[in-house]
């Protein structure tokens, strides 16, 4: 009736590269994301235009530390890496005796182990359900920082592409650090009960 096309669920909403999401063009988000832009942009549109915050991200749920490092969210990735390593160490040392005099078979340590497992699972669920929203806010912050700098549109676009995207190097480094923590934690300070 008003000239707007209607879809099966009401008014059809159309977005293009110049569409605005909280003061940032969709094209800037696409440049920042680089890989899988359609999946991320559909979530970003939902977050920015319709107020949602929850979406499912299986990679962030299964491997939160590696996912956030992959998306260049290094601080969150490091926090997740440390939390995951602590949980693995506390669960992995059951049946071991620490050389530093801690009885890991006692009730206190088992309670600590259970608590770290619950915290780790909670972090995984937060990453799995809010990881895309966290990435949306991260992208928004970085794009605004870049846009506040002086430069031509071409220079700004190049900075957005460089700051965004993914980092396999961070994933490899994160995996190496995680593996070193776990290996050192289990085999460096423990001995198996005879």
Protein backbone atom coordinates (compact mmCIF):
# COMPACT_ATOMS: atom_id res chain seq x y z
CA UNK A 1 0.00 0.00 0.00
CA UNK A 2 2.78 2.50 0.79
CA UNK A 3 5.03 1.48 -2.11
CA UNK A 4 7.31 -0.66 0.06
CA UNK A 5 7.69 -4.32 -0.89
CA UNK A 6 6.39 -6.86 1.61
CA UNK A 7 7.88 -10.27 2.23
CA UNK A 8 6.28 -13.27 3.89
CA UNK A 9 7.10 -11.84 7.34
CA UNK A 10 6.15 -8.22 6.80
CA UNK A 11 7.96 -5.27 5.28
CA UNK A 12 11.07 -6.19 3.35
CA UNK A 13 14.18 -4.38 4.56
CA UNK A 14 16.99 -3.84 2.08
CA UNK A 15 20.56 -2.99 3.01
CA UNK A 16 23.44 -1.99 0.77
CA UNK A 17 27.08 -1.08 1.30
CA UNK A 18 26.15 2.47 2.32
CA UNK A 19 23.60 1.37 4.93
CA UNK A 20 24.34 2.73 8.38
CA UNK A 21 24.74 0.55 11.48
CA UNK A 22 25.28 2.67 14.55
CA UNK A 23 27.16 5.33 12.61
CA UNK A 24 29.31 2.94 10.53
CA UNK A 25 28.70 1.92 6.93
CA UNK A 26 28.04 -1.73 6.19
CA UNK A 27 30.89 -1.58 3.66
CA UNK A 28 33.36 -0.75 6.47
CA UNK A 29 32.16 -3.76 8.45
CA UNK A 30 32.55 -5.97 5.36
CA UNK A 31 36.10 -4.72 4.81
CA UNK A 32 36.95 -5.32 8.47
CA UNK A 33 35.48 -8.83 8.60
CA UNK A 34 37.00 -9.95 5.27
CA UNK A 35 36.12 -13.66 5.55
CA UNK A 36 32.50 -14.85 5.79
CA UNK A 37 31.07 -11.34 5.42
CA UNK A 38 27.50 -12.49 4.68
CA UNK A 39 27.23 -14.48 7.90
CA UNK A 40 28.79 -11.77 10.03
CA UNK A 41 26.95 -8.90 8.35
CA UNK A 42 23.57 -10.58 8.77
CA UNK A 43 24.32 -10.87 12.50
CA UNK A 44 25.68 -7.31 12.63
CA UNK A 45 22.49 -5.99 10.99
CA UNK A 46 20.39 -7.85 13.54
CA UNK A 47 22.50 -6.45 16.39
CA UNK A 48 22.61 -2.89 15.05
CA UNK A 49 19.08 -2.48 13.69
CA UNK A 50 16.95 -4.84 15.72
CA UNK A 51 18.75 -4.96 19.07
CA UNK A 52 19.65 -8.63 19.31
CA UNK A 53 22.78 -9.81 21.10
CA UNK A 54 22.56 -13.58 20.94
CA UNK A 55 23.61 -15.71 17.99
CA UNK A 56 25.24 -19.11 17.72
CA UNK A 57 28.91 -19.44 16.86
CA UNK A 58 30.07 -23.05 17.08
CA UNK A 59 33.76 -22.22 16.56
CA UNK A 60 33.66 -19.76 19.47
CA UNK A 61 31.86 -22.33 21.63
CA UNK A 62 34.20 -25.25 20.88
CA UNK A 63 37.51 -23.37 20.80
CA UNK A 64 36.95 -19.94 22.36
CA UNK A 65 40.62 -19.09 22.84
CA UNK A 66 41.53 -19.97 19.25
CA UNK A 67 38.44 -18.30 17.79
CA UNK A 68 39.08 -14.94 19.46
CA UNK A 69 42.77 -15.05 18.54
CA UNK A 70 41.77 -15.89 14.95
CA UNK A 71 39.52 -12.81 14.85
CA UNK A 72 42.35 -10.63 16.27
CA UNK A 73 40.54 -10.12 19.59
CA UNK A 74 43.78 -10.87 21.38
CA UNK A 75 42.90 -9.79 24.92
CA UNK A 76 39.74 -11.91 24.99
CA UNK A 77 41.64 -14.76 23.31
CA UNK A 78 44.39 -14.68 25.95
CA UNK A 79 41.85 -14.61 28.79
CA UNK A 80 40.05 -17.60 27.26
CA UNK A 81 43.36 -19.40 26.68
CA UNK A 82 44.41 -19.01 30.32
CA UNK A 83 40.97 -20.05 31.61
CA UNK A 84 40.88 -23.09 29.32
CA UNK A 85 44.42 -24.12 30.27
CA UNK A 86 43.69 -23.77 34.00
CA UNK A 87 40.56 -25.90 33.63
CA UNK A 88 42.44 -28.55 31.66
CA UNK A 89 45.29 -28.60 34.17
CA UNK A 90 43.00 -28.92 37.17
CA UNK A 91 41.04 -31.73 35.53
CA UNK A 92 44.13 -33.34 33.98
CA UNK A 93 46.05 -33.64 37.23
CA UNK A 94 43.48 -35.91 38.88
CA UNK A 95 45.37 -39.07 39.81
CA UNK A 96 48.71 -37.25 39.92
CA UNK A 97 50.78 -36.04 42.84
CA UNK A 98 52.23 -32.56 42.52
CA UNK A 99 55.90 -32.29 43.50
CA UNK A 100 55.09 -29.06 45.33
CA UNK A 101 53.14 -30.90 48.01
CA UNK A 102 49.52 -30.47 46.89
CA UNK A 103 47.26 -33.48 47.32
CA UNK A 104 45.20 -33.45 44.13
CA UNK A 105 43.11 -36.39 45.29
CA UNK A 106 41.73 -34.43 48.25
CA UNK A 107 38.29 -32.85 48.48
CA UNK A 108 39.58 -29.27 48.25
CA UNK A 109 41.40 -29.87 45.00
CA UNK A 110 38.45 -31.81 43.58
CA UNK A 111 36.23 -28.86 44.48
CA UNK A 112 38.62 -26.47 42.76
CA UNK A 113 38.71 -28.75 39.75
CA UNK A 114 34.91 -28.84 39.57
CA UNK A 115 34.69 -25.05 39.97
CA UNK A 116 37.17 -24.44 37.15
CA UNK A 117 35.19 -26.82 34.93
CA UNK A 118 31.98 -24.87 35.58
CA UNK A 119 33.72 -21.56 34.94
CA UNK A 120 35.23 -22.92 31.74
CA UNK A 121 31.86 -24.19 30.52
CA UNK A 122 30.22 -20.86 31.35
CA UNK A 123 32.90 -19.05 29.34
CA UNK A 124 32.36 -21.43 26.44
CA UNK A 125 28.61 -20.75 26.46
CA UNK A 126 29.22 -17.00 26.65
CA UNK A 127 31.63 -17.26 23.70
CA UNK A 128 29.25 -19.49 21.75
CA UNK A 129 26.18 -17.29 22.21
CA UNK A 130 27.74 -13.83 22.45
CA UNK A 131 30.95 -14.27 20.40
CA UNK A 132 29.46 -12.67 17.28
CA UNK A 133 28.13 -9.74 19.31
CA UNK A 134 31.51 -9.31 20.98
CA UNK A 135 33.11 -9.31 17.52
CA UNK A 136 30.55 -6.75 16.31
CA UNK A 137 31.45 -4.41 19.17
CA UNK A 138 35.18 -5.03 18.61
CA UNK A 139 34.83 -4.23 14.89
CA UNK A 140 32.82 -1.13 15.71
CA UNK A 141 35.47 0.15 18.11
CA UNK A 142 38.35 -0.49 15.70
CA UNK A 143 36.56 1.07 12.73
CA UNK A 144 35.71 4.18 14.77
CA UNK A 145 39.35 4.47 15.87
CA UNK A 146 40.52 4.23 12.25
CA UNK A 147 37.87 6.66 10.99
CA UNK A 148 38.95 9.22 13.62
CA UNK A 149 42.42 9.34 12.07
CA UNK A 150 43.33 11.62 9.19
CA UNK A 151 43.77 10.20 5.72
CA UNK A 152 42.18 9.73 2.35
CA UNK A 153 39.27 7.37 1.94
CA UNK A 154 41.61 4.88 0.24
CA UNK A 155 44.10 5.01 3.13
CA UNK A 156 41.32 4.56 5.68
CA UNK A 157 39.90 1.60 3.73
CA UNK A 158 43.37 0.00 3.65
CA UNK A 159 43.75 0.48 7.43
CA UNK A 160 40.34 -1.10 8.05
CA UNK A 161 41.32 -4.13 5.95
CA UNK A 162 44.71 -4.40 7.71
CA UNK A 163 43.29 -4.11 11.26
CA UNK A 164 40.45 -6.51 10.57
CA UNK A 165 40.31 -9.96 9.07
CA UNK A 166 41.88 -12.98 10.63
CA UNK A 167 45.23 -14.11 11.94
CA UNK A 168 46.37 -17.72 11.53
CA UNK A 169 49.66 -16.68 13.13
CA UNK A 170 47.85 -15.78 16.36
CA UNK A 171 46.02 -19.12 16.27
CA UNK A 172 49.26 -21.08 15.82
CA UNK A 173 50.99 -19.07 18.55
CA UNK A 174 47.98 -19.46 20.86
CA UNK A 175 47.85 -23.20 20.28
CA UNK A 176 51.60 -23.47 20.94
CA UNK A 177 51.33 -21.47 24.18
CA UNK A 178 48.29 -23.48 25.31
CA UNK A 179 50.07 -26.75 24.53
CA UNK A 180 53.21 -25.60 26.38
CA UNK A 181 51.17 -24.61 29.45
CA UNK A 182 49.38 -27.95 29.50
CA UNK A 183 52.48 -30.06 28.85
CA UNK A 184 54.58 -28.16 31.39
CA UNK A 185 51.72 -28.13 33.87
CA UNK A 186 51.12 -31.86 33.75
CA UNK A 187 54.56 -33.29 33.04
CA UNK A 188 56.78 -30.53 34.37
CA UNK A 189 55.50 -30.39 37.93
CA UNK A 190 53.79 -33.76 38.41
CA UNK A 191 54.67 -37.41 38.77
CA UNK A 192 52.31 -40.33 38.30
CA UNK A 193 51.38 -42.33 41.36
CA UNK A 194 53.06 -45.70 41.31
